[in-house]
Amino acid sequence: MYRYNVKLDYVVMKEVSLVAYLVSFLSIIKRQA
């Protein structure tokens, strides 16, 4: 159970960081447009 929770947290962190990267990328595009 502990390992499963750690794996789940890793996936969530990965998705959150990916979303943050996309948001910053879009904000840069809007700034240049």
PDB file of N, CA and C in Angstrom:
ATOM      1  N   MET A   1       0.835  -1.204   0.000  1.00  0.00           N
ATOM      2  CA  MET A   1       0.000   0.000   0.000  1.00  0.00           C
ATOM      3  C   MET A   1       0.874   1.260   0.000  1.00  0.00           C
ATOM      4  N   TYR A   2       1.947   1.216   0.806  1.00  0.00           N
ATOM      5  CA  TYR A   2       2.833   2.378   0.874  1.00  0.00           C
ATOM      6  C   TYR A   2       3.480   2.642  -0.495  1.00  0.00           C
ATOM      7  N   ARG A   3       3.939   1.570  -1.127  1.00  0.00           N
ATOM      8  CA  ARG A   3       4.571   1.753  -2.441  1.00  0.00           C
ATOM      9  C   ARG A   3       3.561   2.304  -3.449  1.00  0.00           C
ATOM     10  N   TYR A   4       2.328   1.819  -3.359  1.00  0.00           N
ATOM     11  CA  TYR A   4       1.304   2.289  -4.294  1.00  0.00           C
ATOM     12  C   TYR A   4       1.071   3.788  -4.107  1.00  0.00           C
ATOM     13  N   ASN A   5       1.037   4.231  -2.862  1.00  0.00           N
ATOM     14  CA  ASN A   5       0.812   5.651  -2.597  1.00  0.00           C
ATOM     15  C   ASN A   5       1.965   6.484  -3.146  1.00  0.00           C
ATOM     16  N   VAL A   6       3.189   5.998  -2.969  1.00  0.00           N
ATOM     17  CA  VAL A   6       4.350   6.734  -3.472  1.00  0.00           C
ATOM     18  C   VAL A   6       4.284   6.816  -4.999  1.00  0.00           C
ATOM     19  N   LYS A   7       3.914   5.716  -5.636  1.00  0.00           N
ATOM     20  CA  LYS A   7       3.818   5.705  -7.098  1.00  0.00           C
ATOM     21  C   LYS A   7       2.725   6.661  -7.564  1.00  0.00           C
ATOM     22  N   LEU A   8       1.609   6.674  -6.851  1.00  0.00           N
ATOM     23  CA  LEU A   8       0.497   7.551  -7.214  1.00  0.00           C
ATOM     24  C   LEU A   8       0.922   9.012  -7.067  1.00  0.00           C
ATOM     25  N   ASP A   9       1.615   9.335  -5.974  1.00  0.00           N
ATOM     26  CA  ASP A   9       2.084  10.706  -5.775  1.00  0.00           C
ATOM     27  C   ASP A   9       3.032  11.103  -6.905  1.00  0.00           C
ATOM     28  N   TYR A  10       3.872  10.178  -7.333  1.00  0.00           N
ATOM     29  CA  TYR A  10       4.824  10.480  -8.410  1.00  0.00           C
ATOM     30  C   TYR A  10       4.070  10.809  -9.702  1.00  0.00           C
ATOM     31  N   VAL A  11       3.032  10.023  -9.992  1.00  0.00           N
ATOM     32  CA  VAL A  11       2.241  10.269 -11.210  1.00  0.00           C
ATOM     33  C   VAL A  11       1.545  11.622 -11.117  1.00  0.00           C
ATOM     34  N   VAL A  12       0.983  11.920  -9.948  1.00  0.00           N
ATOM     35  CA  VAL A  12       0.282  13.198  -9.781  1.00  0.00           C
ATOM     36  C   VAL A  12       1.256  14.359  -9.946  1.00  0.00           C
ATOM     37  N   MET A  13       2.417  14.259  -9.331  1.00  0.00           N
ATOM     38  CA  MET A  13       3.421  15.322  -9.459  1.00  0.00           C
ATOM     39  C   MET A  13       3.843  15.486 -10.913  1.00  0.00           C
ATOM     40  N   LYS A  14       3.975  14.365 -11.608  1.00  0.00           N
ATOM     41  CA  LYS A  14       4.375  14.406 -13.016  1.00  0.00           C
ATOM     42  C   LYS A  14       3.315  15.139 -13.843  1.00  0.00           C
ATOM     43  N   GLU A  15       2.036  14.818 -13.606  1.00  0.00           N
ATOM     44  CA  GLU A  15       0.960  15.471 -14.355  1.00  0.00           C
ATOM     45  C   GLU A  15       0.881  16.954 -14.015  1.00  0.00           C
ATOM     46  N   VAL A  16       1.039  17.283 -12.735  1.00  0.00           N
ATOM     47  CA  VAL A  16       0.960  18.687 -12.326  1.00  0.00           C
ATOM     48  C   VAL A  16       2.089  19.485 -12.970  1.00  0.00           C
ATOM     49  N   SER A  17       3.293  18.928 -12.977  1.00  0.00           N
ATOM     50  CA  SER A  17       4.420  19.643 -13.569  1.00  0.00           C
ATOM     51  C   SER A  17       4.211  19.793 -15.078  1.00  0.00           C
ATOM     52  N   LEU A  18       3.598  18.790 -15.699  1.00  0.00           N
ATOM     53  CA  LEU A  18       3.337  18.864 -17.140  1.00  0.00           C
ATOM     54  C   LEU A  18       2.330  19.973 -17.423  1.00  0.00           C
ATOM     55  N   VAL A  19       1.287  20.056 -16.611  1.00  0.00           N
ATOM     56  CA  VAL A  19       0.267  21.105 -16.793  1.00  0.00           C
ATOM     57  C   VAL A  19       0.901  22.479 -16.594  1.00  0.00           C
ATOM     58  N   ALA A  20       1.738  22.612 -15.565  1.00  0.00           N
ATOM     59  CA  ALA A  20       2.385  23.902 -15.302  1.00  0.00           C
ATOM     60  C   ALA A  20       3.275  24.284 -16.487  1.00  0.00           C
ATOM     61  N   TYR A  21       3.958  23.307 -17.075  1.00  0.00           N
ATOM     62  CA  TYR A  21       4.818  23.572 -18.223  1.00  0.00           C
ATOM     63  C   TYR A  21       3.984  24.060 -19.411  1.00  0.00           C
ATOM     64  N   LEU A  22       2.843  23.410 -19.659  1.00  0.00           N
ATOM     65  CA  LEU A  22       1.979  23.821 -20.771  1.00  0.00           C
ATOM     66  C   LEU A  22       1.437  25.226 -20.543  1.00  0.00           C
ATOM     67  N   VAL A  23       1.034  25.524 -19.311  1.00  0.00           N
ATOM     68  CA  VAL A  23       0.485  26.854 -19.011  1.00  0.00           C
ATOM     69  C   VAL A  23       1.540  27.928 -19.257  1.00  0.00           C
ATOM     70  N   SER A  24       2.760  27.698 -18.789  1.00  0.00           N
ATOM     71  CA  SER A  24       3.825  28.691 -18.984  1.00  0.00           C
ATOM     72  C   SER A  24       4.151  28.819 -20.477  1.00  0.00           C
ATOM     73  N   PHE A  25       4.102  27.700 -21.194  1.00  0.00           N
ATOM     74  CA  PHE A  25       4.385  27.721 -22.626  1.00  0.00           C
ATOM     75  C   PHE A  25       3.330  28.560 -23.359  1.00  0.00           C
ATOM     76  N   LEU A  26       2.047  28.358 -23.003  1.00  0.00           N
ATOM     77  CA  LEU A  26       0.971  29.123 -23.643  1.00  0.00           C
ATOM     78  C   LEU A  26       1.084  30.601 -23.305  1.00  0.00           C
ATOM     79  N   SER A  27       1.464  30.920 -22.073  1.00  0.00           N
ATOM     80  CA  SER A  27       1.573  32.328 -21.678  1.00  0.00           C
ATOM     81  C   SER A  27       2.689  33.001 -22.483  1.00  0.00           C
ATOM     82  N   ILE A  28       3.766  32.270 -22.766  1.00  0.00           N
ATOM     83  CA  ILE A  28       4.862  32.833 -23.565  1.00  0.00           C
ATOM     84  C   ILE A  28       4.382  33.090 -24.992  1.00  0.00           C
ATOM     85  N   ILE A  29       3.611  32.163 -25.550  1.00  0.00           N
ATOM     86  CA  ILE A  29       3.093  32.337 -26.917  1.00  0.00           C
ATOM     87  C   ILE A  29       2.166  33.553 -26.969  1.00  0.00           C
ATOM     88  N   LYS A  30       1.291  33.682 -25.973  1.00  0.00           N
ATOM     89  CA  LYS A  30       0.374  34.831 -25.964  1.00  0.00           C
ATOM     90  C   LYS A  30       1.150  36.136 -25.853  1.00  0.00           C
ATOM     91  N   ARG A  31       2.237  36.133 -25.094  1.00  0.00           N
ATOM     92  CA  ARG A  31       3.026  37.349 -24.902  1.00  0.00           C
ATOM     93  C   ARG A  31       3.663  37.778 -26.224  1.00  0.00           C
ATOM     94  N   GLN A  32       4.134  36.808 -27.018  1.00  0.00           N
ATOM     95  CA  GLN A  32       4.807  37.140 -28.280  1.00  0.00           C
ATOM     96  C   GLN A  32       3.807  37.481 -29.379  1.00  0.00           C
ATOM     97  N   ALA A  33       2.619  36.910 -29.310  1.00  0.00           N
ATOM     98  CA  ALA A  33       1.624  37.125 -30.367  1.00  0.00           C
ATOM     99  C   ALA A  33       1.157  38.587 -30.396  1.00  0.00           C
TER     100      ALA A  33
END
